[in-house]
Amino acid sequence: MNQQLIELLKRTLTGVALLVSFGGAYLHSATLFTAALVVLLGIVLRWEWSNLVDLQKPSRLALSVLYPIMPFVVLIWLTNEFYVTDFYLPLLPFFIAWGADTGGYVVGKLFGVHKMCPTISPGKSWEGFAGSVLSVFAICSYVLPKIALLSATVLTTNFFALACFVLATTSIAFIGGLFLSVLKRKEGLKDAGSLLPGHGGILDRFDAVLFVGIFTLLLVLFVRY
């Protein structure tokens, strides 16, 4: 079997397993989903983050608080704050980040020619980025009206505002992936870990989620206050 096909199969099966288990935890309760996030953060700090930065340096310890700890705390806060009152809101970072990743991966593999940043992340192309934007646009068009906090905002009534939101969040998701790519390249690593076949480690799957999570928090604070 072709190696690329094997990698695609592993990536797909792992993605489905992650979606089912993670989605199942969320559907079960905020408590179980929170516990899952805490466990994932523990795995990241114990087995992945230490491979990417030198934790003996105070500056790197400070960075650890800002990333990855704070974004995981934000995801936990969003879950416990909105799970009952606005069920879809805590999932928005996952919808956007994983939608962008899936759209970018598929379109990039099929049509990717023009590289965005070949020295840092050779797999990312402008065609893939366009696929990410289209994927996130489709997802946000469906999901945003279901989020009570955002349903009455300009994001659901104005096409230009929605387009700007999609472009901004897709770019943030891309920057999240690029940030991790820089750290991995500095250490000569292909992946942050090996827990998820076809994807790498937890950070390889959550890099964009963590960045979009921070953006979601800022959006919530802006709309609320």
Protein backbone atom coordinates (compact mmCIF):
# COMPACT_ATOMS: atom_id res chain seq x y z
CA MET A 1 0.00 0.00 0.00
CA ASN A 2 1.25 3.49 -0.87
CA GLN A 3 2.93 5.19 2.13
CA GLN A 4 0.89 8.36 1.68
CA LEU A 5 -2.30 6.32 1.68
CA ILE A 6 -1.21 4.58 4.89
CA GLU A 7 -0.53 7.95 6.54
CA LEU A 8 -3.90 9.25 5.38
CA LEU A 9 -5.62 6.16 6.76
CA LYS A 10 -3.86 6.50 10.13
CA ARG A 11 -4.66 10.20 10.28
CA THR A 12 -8.31 9.59 9.44
CA LEU A 13 -8.81 6.74 11.92
CA THR A 14 -7.04 8.63 14.70
CA GLY A 15 -9.06 11.76 13.93
CA VAL A 16 -12.34 9.84 14.08
CA ALA A 17 -11.32 8.14 17.34
CA LEU A 18 -10.34 11.48 18.86
CA LEU A 19 -13.55 13.11 17.70
CA VAL A 20 -15.72 10.29 19.08
CA SER A 21 -13.96 10.09 22.45
CA PHE A 22 -13.57 13.84 22.91
CA GLY A 23 -17.04 14.60 21.61
CA GLY A 24 -18.48 11.84 23.76
CA ALA A 25 -16.85 13.32 26.83
CA TYR A 26 -18.40 16.72 26.04
CA LEU A 27 -21.84 15.27 25.42
CA HIS A 28 -21.64 13.36 28.71
CA SER A 29 -20.91 16.32 30.97
CA ALA A 30 -18.81 19.41 31.54
CA THR A 31 -17.09 17.56 34.37
CA LEU A 32 -15.88 14.72 32.15
CA PHE A 33 -14.79 17.13 29.42
CA THR A 34 -12.91 19.22 31.96
CA ALA A 35 -11.21 16.10 33.29
CA ALA A 36 -10.18 15.18 29.74
CA LEU A 37 -8.64 18.62 29.21
CA VAL A 38 -6.75 18.37 32.51
CA VAL A 39 -5.39 14.94 31.54
CA LEU A 40 -4.33 16.23 28.12
CA LEU A 41 -2.56 19.19 29.70
CA GLY A 42 -0.75 16.82 32.04
CA ILE A 43 0.38 14.68 29.09
CA VAL A 44 1.56 17.76 27.21
CA LEU A 45 3.57 19.11 30.15
CA ARG A 46 5.08 15.76 31.08
CA TRP A 47 5.90 14.21 27.71
CA GLU A 48 5.76 16.88 24.99
CA TRP A 49 6.48 20.41 26.17
CA SER A 50 9.77 19.44 27.81
CA ASN A 51 10.97 18.19 24.40
CA LEU A 52 10.35 21.60 22.85
CA VAL A 53 11.72 24.03 25.45
CA ASP A 54 14.44 24.02 28.08
CA LEU A 55 12.50 24.22 31.33
CA GLN A 56 15.70 24.96 33.25
CA LYS A 57 15.56 28.51 31.89
CA PRO A 58 13.28 30.94 33.78
CA SER A 59 12.11 32.53 30.51
CA ARG A 60 10.95 29.14 29.24
CA LEU A 61 9.11 28.47 32.50
CA ALA A 62 7.33 31.80 32.07
CA LEU A 63 6.46 30.83 28.51
CA SER A 64 4.97 27.58 29.83
CA VAL A 65 2.42 29.57 31.83
CA LEU A 66 1.40 31.59 28.78
CA TYR A 67 1.50 28.53 26.53
CA PRO A 68 0.32 25.83 26.86
CA ILE A 69 -1.08 26.19 30.42
CA MET A 70 -3.14 29.37 30.05
CA PRO A 71 -4.95 28.31 26.83
CA PHE A 72 -5.94 25.00 28.41
CA VAL A 73 -7.24 26.91 31.45
CA VAL A 74 -9.24 29.12 29.06
CA LEU A 75 -10.81 26.05 27.40
CA ILE A 76 -11.71 24.70 30.85
CA TRP A 77 -13.22 28.04 31.89
CA LEU A 78 -15.28 28.31 28.70
CA THR A 79 -16.63 24.81 29.32
CA ASN A 80 -17.65 25.40 32.91
CA GLU A 81 -18.98 28.90 32.26
CA PHE A 82 -21.13 28.17 29.20
CA TYR A 83 -21.83 24.42 29.05
CA VAL A 84 -25.34 24.80 30.47
CA THR A 85 -26.31 28.21 29.09
CA ASP A 86 -24.62 28.19 25.66
CA PHE A 87 -23.78 24.60 24.75
CA TYR A 88 -21.95 25.23 21.47
CA LEU A 89 -19.78 28.15 22.62
CA PRO A 90 -17.04 26.11 24.39
CA LEU A 91 -16.71 24.01 21.23
CA LEU A 92 -16.10 27.00 18.95
CA PRO A 93 -12.27 26.82 19.20
CA PHE A 94 -12.41 23.14 18.23
CA PHE A 95 -14.84 23.72 15.36
CA ILE A 96 -12.67 26.47 13.89
CA ALA A 97 -9.24 24.96 14.49
CA TRP A 98 -10.05 21.42 13.42
CA GLY A 99 -12.19 22.64 10.53
CA ALA A 100 -9.31 24.78 9.30
CA ASP A 101 -6.90 21.88 9.68
CA THR A 102 -9.14 19.44 7.82
CA GLY A 103 -9.97 21.81 4.97
CA GLY A 104 -6.36 22.90 4.65
CA TYR A 105 -5.06 19.34 4.70
CA VAL A 106 -7.46 18.05 2.04
CA VAL A 107 -7.15 20.99 -0.35
CA GLY A 108 -3.42 21.28 0.25
CA LYS A 109 -2.85 17.62 -0.55
CA LEU A 110 -4.94 17.81 -3.70
CA PHE A 111 -3.97 21.22 -5.07
CA GLY A 112 -1.17 22.65 -2.93
CA VAL A 113 1.61 24.13 -5.06
CA HIS A 114 2.50 27.56 -3.73
CA LYS A 115 4.20 27.20 -0.34
CA MET A 116 3.47 29.73 2.39
CA CYS A 117 6.54 29.26 4.59
CA PRO A 118 8.66 26.40 3.21
CA THR A 119 11.55 26.88 5.63
CA ILE A 120 9.34 26.54 8.72
CA SER A 121 6.39 24.37 7.66
CA PRO A 122 6.91 22.90 4.18
CA GLY A 123 3.48 21.25 4.11
CA LYS A 124 1.49 24.50 4.27
CA SER A 125 0.41 26.05 0.99
CA TRP A 126 -1.68 29.02 -0.06
CA GLU A 127 -4.12 26.63 -1.69
CA GLY A 128 -4.41 24.77 1.60
CA PHE A 129 -5.00 28.04 3.44
CA ALA A 130 -7.81 28.85 1.00
CA GLY A 131 -9.30 25.43 1.77
CA SER A 132 -9.08 26.25 5.47
CA VAL A 133 -10.92 29.54 4.96
CA LEU A 134 -13.72 27.88 2.99
CA SER A 135 -14.07 25.13 5.58
CA VAL A 136 -14.20 27.57 8.50
CA PHE A 137 -16.69 29.76 6.62
CA ALA A 138 -19.03 26.80 6.15
CA ILE A 139 -18.69 25.77 9.79
CA CYS A 140 -19.19 29.28 11.19
CA SER A 141 -22.20 29.91 8.95
CA TYR A 142 -23.85 26.91 10.59
CA VAL A 143 -22.54 27.14 14.16
CA LEU A 144 -22.53 30.86 15.01
CA PRO A 145 -26.35 31.25 14.83
CA LYS A 146 -26.60 28.38 17.35
CA ILE A 147 -24.42 30.24 19.88
CA ALA A 148 -26.71 32.43 21.95
CA LEU A 149 -24.02 34.96 22.87
CA LEU A 150 -23.18 35.54 19.19
CA SER A 151 -26.49 34.85 17.45
CA ALA A 152 -27.70 38.45 17.69
CA THR A 153 -24.37 40.04 16.73
CA VAL A 154 -23.24 41.36 13.36
CA LEU A 155 -21.44 38.05 12.77
CA THR A 156 -24.72 36.34 11.91
CA THR A 157 -26.36 39.22 10.05
CA ASN A 158 -23.58 40.75 7.95
CA PHE A 159 -21.67 38.78 5.31
CA PHE A 160 -18.64 41.08 5.40
CA ALA A 161 -18.37 40.84 9.19
CA LEU A 162 -18.61 37.05 9.02
CA ALA A 163 -15.99 36.93 6.26
CA CYS A 164 -13.60 39.07 8.35
CA PHE A 165 -14.22 36.85 11.38
CA VAL A 166 -13.52 33.71 9.36
CA LEU A 167 -10.33 35.14 7.86
CA ALA A 168 -9.14 36.31 11.29
CA THR A 169 -9.82 33.04 13.08
CA THR A 170 -8.37 30.94 10.26
CA SER A 171 -5.23 33.09 10.37
CA ILE A 172 -5.02 32.67 14.15
CA ALA A 173 -5.34 28.91 13.76
CA PHE A 174 -2.57 29.02 11.16
CA ILE A 175 -0.34 31.07 13.47
CA GLY A 176 -0.93 28.53 16.23
CA GLY A 177 0.34 25.76 13.98
CA LEU A 178 3.24 27.91 12.80
CA PHE A 179 4.26 28.70 16.38
CA LEU A 180 4.54 25.03 17.21
CA SER A 181 6.37 24.36 13.93
CA VAL A 182 9.02 26.93 14.90
CA LEU A 183 9.54 25.25 18.28
CA LYS A 184 9.77 21.80 16.68
CA ARG A 185 12.19 22.95 13.99
CA LYS A 186 14.48 24.51 16.60
CA GLU A 187 14.71 21.13 18.31
CA GLY A 188 14.88 19.14 15.07
CA LEU A 189 11.58 17.39 15.74
CA LYS A 190 8.94 16.37 13.22
CA ASP A 191 6.20 16.05 15.85
CA ALA A 192 5.75 17.18 19.44
CA GLY A 193 4.88 13.61 20.45
CA SER A 194 3.73 10.26 19.14
CA LEU A 195 0.51 9.56 21.04
CA LEU A 196 -1.76 10.15 18.02
CA PRO A 197 -0.78 8.08 14.94
CA GLY A 198 -0.88 10.17 11.80
CA HIS A 199 -1.01 13.41 13.78
CA GLY A 200 1.91 13.28 16.19
CA GLY A 201 1.31 14.40 19.74
CA ILE A 202 -1.42 16.23 21.64
CA LEU A 203 0.14 19.60 20.84
CA ASP A 204 0.26 18.75 17.16
CA ARG A 205 -3.51 18.36 17.27
CA PHE A 206 -4.25 21.18 19.73
CA ASP A 207 -1.79 23.88 18.63
CA ALA A 208 -4.42 25.82 16.67
CA VAL A 209 -7.17 25.08 19.21
CA LEU A 210 -5.16 26.76 21.96
CA PHE A 211 -4.63 29.94 19.96
CA VAL A 212 -8.26 30.12 18.82
CA GLY A 213 -9.32 29.45 22.42
CA ILE A 214 -7.60 32.66 23.55
CA PHE A 215 -9.28 34.56 20.73
CA THR A 216 -12.66 33.10 21.75
CA LEU A 217 -12.13 34.30 25.31
CA LEU A 218 -11.37 37.84 24.08
CA LEU A 219 -14.45 37.72 21.86
CA VAL A 220 -16.64 36.60 24.77
CA LEU A 221 -15.33 39.39 26.98
CA PHE A 222 -15.88 41.95 24.21
CA VAL A 223 -19.46 40.88 23.53
CA ARG A 224 -20.33 40.54 27.21
CA TYR A 225 -18.82 43.80 28.42
